[in-house]
Protein backbone atom coordinates (compact mmCIF):
# COMPACT_ATOMS: atom_id res chain seq x y z
CA MET A 1 0.00 0.00 0.00
CA LYS A 2 1.40 3.38 -1.01
CA LEU A 3 1.70 5.92 1.80
CA HIS A 4 0.82 8.83 -0.42
CA PHE A 5 -2.49 7.12 -1.24
CA LEU A 6 -3.25 7.14 2.49
CA ARG A 7 -2.45 10.85 2.65
CA TYR A 8 -4.73 11.50 -0.32
CA PHE A 9 -7.55 9.57 1.34
CA VAL A 10 -7.19 11.38 4.69
CA VAL A 11 -7.27 14.81 3.07
CA LEU A 12 -10.26 13.86 0.93
CA ALA A 13 -12.07 12.42 3.96
CA GLU A 14 -11.50 15.70 5.80
CA GLU A 15 -12.57 17.92 2.90
CA LEU A 16 -15.31 15.67 1.44
CA HIS A 17 -14.78 17.48 -1.84
CA PHE A 18 -12.48 16.34 -4.63
CA GLY A 19 -11.74 19.85 -5.87
CA ARG A 20 -10.76 21.22 -2.43
CA ALA A 21 -8.78 18.10 -1.57
CA ALA A 22 -6.87 18.22 -4.86
CA SER A 23 -6.08 21.90 -4.28
CA LYS A 24 -4.87 21.19 -0.74
CA LEU A 25 -2.66 18.39 -2.07
CA SER A 26 -1.33 20.62 -4.88
CA MET A 27 -2.53 18.23 -7.58
CA THR A 28 -5.32 17.97 -10.12
CA GLN A 29 -8.57 16.08 -9.62
CA PRO A 30 -8.09 13.13 -12.07
CA PRO A 31 -4.97 11.64 -10.40
CA LEU A 32 -6.62 12.04 -6.98
CA SER A 33 -9.69 10.14 -8.17
CA SER A 34 -7.46 7.48 -9.71
CA ALA A 35 -5.48 7.09 -6.46
CA ILE A 36 -8.63 6.67 -4.34
CA LYS A 37 -9.99 4.12 -6.81
CA SER A 38 -6.73 2.16 -6.67
CA LEU A 39 -6.82 2.23 -2.86
CA GLU A 40 -10.38 0.87 -2.83
CA GLU A 41 -9.44 -1.86 -5.30
CA GLU A 42 -6.49 -2.89 -3.16
CA LEU A 43 -8.62 -3.00 -0.01
CA GLN A 44 -11.56 -4.53 -1.88
CA VAL A 45 -13.97 -2.20 -0.06
CA GLN A 46 -15.75 1.03 -0.93
CA LEU A 47 -14.41 3.87 1.17
CA LEU A 48 -16.40 6.76 -0.27
CA ILE A 49 -19.79 7.38 -1.79
CA ARG A 50 -19.46 10.08 -4.40
CA ASP A 51 -21.61 11.60 -7.07
CA SER A 52 -21.62 14.88 -8.94
CA LYS A 53 -22.92 16.76 -5.90
CA HIS A 54 -21.28 15.36 -2.79
CA VAL A 55 -18.79 12.97 -1.21
CA GLU A 56 -19.32 11.02 1.99
CA LEU A 57 -17.56 8.24 3.85
CA THR A 58 -18.94 4.75 4.01
CA GLN A 59 -18.92 2.94 7.34
CA ALA A 60 -15.80 1.13 6.19
CA GLY A 61 -14.29 4.45 5.11
CA SER A 62 -14.87 6.00 8.56
CA ALA A 63 -13.17 3.04 10.26
CA PHE A 64 -10.29 3.12 7.77
CA LEU A 65 -9.80 6.87 8.32
CA VAL A 66 -8.99 6.30 12.00
CA GLU A 67 -6.37 3.67 11.14
CA ALA A 68 -4.93 5.69 8.24
CA ARG A 69 -4.37 8.70 10.47
CA GLN A 70 -2.58 6.54 13.05
CA ILE A 71 -0.36 5.02 10.37
CA LEU A 72 0.62 8.42 9.01
CA GLU A 73 1.30 9.76 12.52
CA GLN A 74 3.49 6.74 13.29
CA VAL A 75 5.42 7.19 10.06
CA ALA A 76 5.96 10.86 10.90
CA ARG A 77 7.22 9.93 14.38
CA ALA A 78 9.54 7.30 12.94
CA SER A 79 10.95 9.83 10.47
CA ASN A 80 11.52 12.33 13.26
CA VAL A 81 13.28 9.74 15.42
CA ALA A 82 15.57 8.84 12.53
CA ARG A 83 16.52 12.49 12.02
CA ILE A 84 17.10 12.98 15.74
CA VAL A 85 19.33 9.93 16.05
CA ALA A 86 21.27 10.93 12.92
CA LYS A 87 22.02 14.28 14.57
CA GLY A 88 23.10 12.65 17.83
CA MET A 89 20.10 14.12 19.61
CA ARG A 90 18.56 11.19 21.41
CA GLY A 91 19.43 10.03 24.88
CA ARG A 92 19.70 11.44 28.39
CA LEU A 93 20.47 15.00 29.44
CA GLU A 94 21.46 15.71 33.06
CA ILE A 95 20.99 19.31 34.12
CA GLY A 96 21.96 20.77 37.49
CA VAL A 97 19.77 23.39 39.16
CA THR A 98 19.72 25.29 42.44
CA GLY A 99 16.46 25.16 44.37
CA SER A 100 15.66 28.86 44.02
CA LEU A 101 15.88 28.85 40.22
CA ILE A 102 12.85 26.57 40.03
CA TYR A 103 10.95 29.79 40.73
CA ARG A 104 12.48 31.57 37.74
CA ASP A 105 12.92 30.48 34.12
CA VAL A 106 13.89 26.83 34.56
CA PRO A 107 10.40 25.23 34.39
CA ALA A 108 9.51 27.14 31.20
CA ILE A 109 12.78 26.10 29.55
CA VAL A 110 12.36 22.45 30.55
CA ARG A 111 8.75 22.31 29.36
CA GLN A 112 9.68 23.82 26.00
CA PHE A 113 12.62 21.42 25.56
CA ASN A 114 10.43 18.43 26.43
CA THR A 115 7.97 19.57 23.77
CA GLU A 116 10.63 20.04 21.11
CA MET A 117 12.76 17.00 21.98
CA ALA A 118 10.35 14.37 23.28
CA ASP A 119 12.87 11.59 22.61
CA VAL A 120 15.43 13.07 24.99
CA GLU A 121 15.18 12.16 28.67
CA LEU A 122 15.89 15.36 30.61
CA VAL A 123 16.76 14.90 34.29
CA LEU A 124 17.06 17.82 36.73
CA ARG A 125 19.49 17.37 39.62
CA GLU A 126 19.26 19.78 42.55
CA MET A 127 22.78 20.88 43.41
CA SER A 128 24.50 23.94 44.83
CA SER A 129 26.11 26.34 42.39
CA SER A 130 29.63 25.31 43.43
CA GLU A 131 28.80 21.61 43.03
CA GLN A 132 27.45 22.25 39.54
CA LEU A 133 30.50 24.19 38.41
CA SER A 134 32.76 21.45 39.70
CA GLU A 135 30.82 18.72 37.88
CA LEU A 136 30.61 20.76 34.68
CA LEU A 137 34.39 21.13 34.62
CA ARG A 138 34.70 17.34 34.93
CA GLY A 139 32.00 16.63 32.37
CA GLN A 140 29.75 14.96 34.97
CA ILE A 141 26.62 16.95 34.04
CA HIS A 142 25.66 18.44 30.68
CA ALA A 143 24.62 21.93 31.85
CA GLY A 144 23.60 23.74 35.00
CA PHE A 145 21.47 26.61 36.28
CA VAL A 146 23.57 28.45 38.86
CA ASN A 147 23.28 31.55 41.04
CA ALA A 148 26.32 33.43 39.80
CA THR A 149 27.39 36.55 37.94
CA THR A 150 30.19 34.89 35.96
CA ALA A 151 31.35 31.37 35.20
CA PRO A 152 34.91 29.98 35.26
CA PRO A 153 36.78 30.80 32.02
CA GLN A 154 36.67 27.15 30.91
CA LEU A 155 32.86 27.27 30.80
CA ALA A 156 30.34 29.09 28.60
CA SER A 157 27.22 30.76 29.98
CA LEU A 158 23.92 32.40 29.14
CA PRO A 159 22.38 34.99 31.53
CA MET A 160 18.96 34.19 32.93
CA SER A 161 16.24 36.84 33.00
CA GLU A 162 16.79 39.48 35.66
CA ASP A 163 15.64 39.08 39.23
CA GLU A 164 16.42 41.37 42.15
CA PHE A 165 17.14 41.04 45.85
CA VAL A 166 14.36 41.99 48.25
CA LEU A 167 13.97 41.94 52.00
CA CYS A 168 12.26 38.93 53.53
CA LEU A 169 10.63 39.76 56.89
CA PRO A 170 8.27 37.90 59.22
CA GLU A 171 4.79 39.11 58.28
CA ASP A 172 4.23 40.46 61.81
CA HIS A 173 7.49 42.45 61.80
CA PRO A 174 6.98 46.17 62.59
CA LYS A 175 8.69 47.14 59.30
CA ALA A 176 6.53 44.76 57.21
CA GLN A 177 3.59 47.11 56.88
CA GLY A 178 4.59 49.07 53.74
CA ASP A 179 5.96 48.07 50.34
CA THR A 180 9.52 49.40 50.68
CA VAL A 181 11.98 49.49 53.55
CA SER A 182 15.46 50.95 53.92
CA LEU A 183 18.26 48.64 54.95
CA GLN A 184 19.45 51.24 57.45
CA HIS A 185 16.19 50.75 59.35
CA LEU A 186 17.15 47.08 59.82
CA ALA A 187 20.76 47.64 60.85
CA ASP A 188 20.20 46.13 64.29
CA GLU A 189 18.30 43.07 63.06
CA ARG A 190 19.59 39.50 63.12
CA PHE A 191 20.13 38.27 59.56
CA VAL A 192 19.85 34.76 58.15
CA MET A 193 22.53 34.48 55.47
CA PHE A 194 23.38 32.15 52.62
CA SER A 195 26.38 29.95 53.37
CA ARG A 196 29.38 31.24 51.42
CA ASP A 197 30.90 27.82 50.74
CA VAL A 198 27.74 26.73 48.87
CA ALA A 199 27.39 29.74 46.56
CA PRO A 200 30.08 32.41 46.95
CA ALA A 201 28.36 34.68 44.41
CA ASN A 202 25.14 34.74 46.45
CA TYR A 203 26.99 35.50 49.66
CA ASP A 204 29.21 38.16 48.11
CA ASN A 205 26.27 39.89 46.42
CA VAL A 206 24.35 40.13 49.68
CA ILE A 207 27.41 41.37 51.59
CA ALA A 208 27.98 43.99 48.88
CA ILE A 209 24.41 45.26 49.38
CA PHE A 210 25.06 45.66 53.10
CA PHE A 211 28.43 47.31 52.46
CA ARG A 212 26.88 49.93 50.16
CA ALA A 213 24.27 50.63 52.82
CA GLY A 214 27.01 51.03 55.49
CA ILE A 215 25.74 48.05 57.48
CA HIS A 216 27.65 45.24 59.16
CA PRO A 217 24.95 42.55 59.50
CA LYS A 218 24.60 40.42 62.60
CA THR A 219 24.58 36.96 61.09
CA ILE A 220 22.96 34.32 63.27
CA HIS A 221 22.30 31.44 60.86
CA ALA A 222 23.96 30.25 57.64
CA ALA A 223 21.70 28.20 55.32
CA ARG A 224 22.45 26.16 52.20
CA GLN A 225 19.15 26.75 50.37
CA TRP A 226 17.16 29.92 49.73
CA LEU A 227 13.92 28.21 50.78
CA THR A 228 15.55 27.25 54.08
CA ILE A 229 16.28 30.93 54.65
CA VAL A 230 12.66 31.88 53.90
CA ALA A 231 11.43 29.15 56.26
CA MET A 232 13.73 30.45 59.04
CA VAL A 233 12.38 33.97 58.56
CA ALA A 234 8.80 32.65 58.60
CA ASN A 235 9.53 31.06 61.98
CA GLY A 236 10.87 34.28 63.48
CA LEU A 237 14.56 33.35 63.44
CA GLY A 238 15.70 36.55 61.72
CA VAL A 239 15.33 38.59 58.53
CA SER A 240 17.11 38.18 55.23
CA LEU A 241 17.79 39.33 51.68
CA VAL A 242 16.53 36.90 49.03
CA PRO A 243 15.73 36.90 45.28
CA ARG A 244 12.27 38.37 44.59
CA SER A 245 11.24 35.29 42.58
CA LEU A 246 11.04 33.32 45.84
CA ALA A 247 7.75 35.11 46.52
CA ARG A 248 6.32 32.57 44.07
CA SER A 249 7.02 29.84 46.64
CA ARG A 250 4.06 31.20 48.64
CA VAL A 251 5.65 30.36 51.99
CA GLN A 252 3.25 31.45 54.74
CA GLY A 253 4.34 33.86 57.45
CA VAL A 254 6.71 36.11 55.48
CA LYS A 255 6.52 39.32 53.51
CA PHE A 256 8.82 40.26 50.63
CA MET A 257 9.60 43.99 50.41
CA LYS A 258 11.57 46.13 47.99
CA ILE A 259 14.81 47.61 49.28
CA GLY A 260 14.89 51.39 49.19
CA GLY A 261 17.17 52.81 46.49
CA GLN A 262 18.45 51.21 43.28
CA PRO A 263 17.44 47.58 42.61
CA VAL A 264 20.20 45.04 43.22
CA ILE A 265 20.28 42.21 40.68
CA ALA A 266 20.15 38.60 41.88
CA PRO A 267 22.25 36.97 39.13
CA ALA A 268 21.78 33.55 37.56
CA LEU A 269 23.29 31.75 34.59
CA LEU A 270 22.81 28.69 32.44
CA VAL A 271 26.32 27.22 32.22
CA TRP A 272 27.81 24.46 30.08
CA ASN A 273 31.23 23.09 29.15
CA PRO A 274 32.22 23.77 25.49
CA THR A 275 34.45 20.68 25.62
CA TYR A 276 31.32 18.52 25.89
CA TYR A 277 29.09 20.62 23.61
CA SER A 278 27.21 17.80 21.87
CA PRO A 279 24.25 18.38 19.51
CA ILE A 280 21.83 17.57 22.32
CA VAL A 281 23.42 20.15 24.64
CA ARG A 282 23.44 22.70 21.82
CA SER A 283 19.71 22.10 21.30
CA PHE A 284 19.08 22.63 25.02
CA VAL A 285 21.05 25.87 25.06
CA GLU A 286 19.23 27.18 21.99
CA CYS A 287 15.88 26.22 23.51
CA ALA A 288 16.85 28.13 26.67
CA ARG A 289 17.95 31.12 24.61
CA SER A 290 14.66 31.29 22.69
CA THR A 291 12.57 30.74 25.84
CA LEU A 292 14.43 33.47 27.72
CA ALA A 293 13.84 35.87 24.83
CA ILE A 294 10.11 35.36 25.39
CA THR A 295 10.00 35.29 29.19
CA GLY A 296 12.87 37.65 29.95
CA SER A 297 10.71 40.66 30.67
CA GLN A 298 8.67 39.10 33.48
CA TRP A 299 11.09 40.20 36.22
CA ASN A 300 11.48 43.74 34.91
């Protein structure tokens, strides 16, 4: 059975008009009629009832239409798989991610990649930024989403859409009543900080914010995850500076407030190792680039 005869039949069954079907198939009516007749002769059943005024499917034709569509869809999938494999774009992709970046662009990028590359198994591994950079240098993961301003010179990177640091206060804190608060008004507070050994960039950025405000924070706790910091604040263990996107976590008992003055960017990057830049990694990076171009304005 010729595949193009199946395509002709499906289009004709959808249009129920030889002229429209022939036009849609970019062919003339006589060869279309001949192809349908040949298909019916091969199957030894009548698929269509046609006269000078109308075309309609027989019961056998309706049943055959369902199967014909499935066959054509399977052939299309098989063709796509062959092209993917030929390009080296089938297999498993391991991507590192810090917990906080789940509240930024990562889900949108992963969903889009899964749509475009359904034959690739994408696995997210929660890791600290420093762990990711170390594994990327050794070729242990394919790419990583890290909280950092720059990557080591051996690695390539793509900036994520902009986020900014905000104050995270217990919702019953006296300063949590407005929308903006000055850091100077919190100079005597106890701060929950990000552990420097986990993500030096996060720690250094927060310290720089305090330095510019002329504050030497009283650090009482050092956490390894942003959500741990938010949970500590929610339980009255201190206040903190966190990326604004963490408001999407909807943790109860806290309020996120803008810092008075110029916004301070909470940096993040997609990072990969050019030494291991396979076609599948290239496709992931390009998917991220196109997704970020669409979603990049949401934090502005």
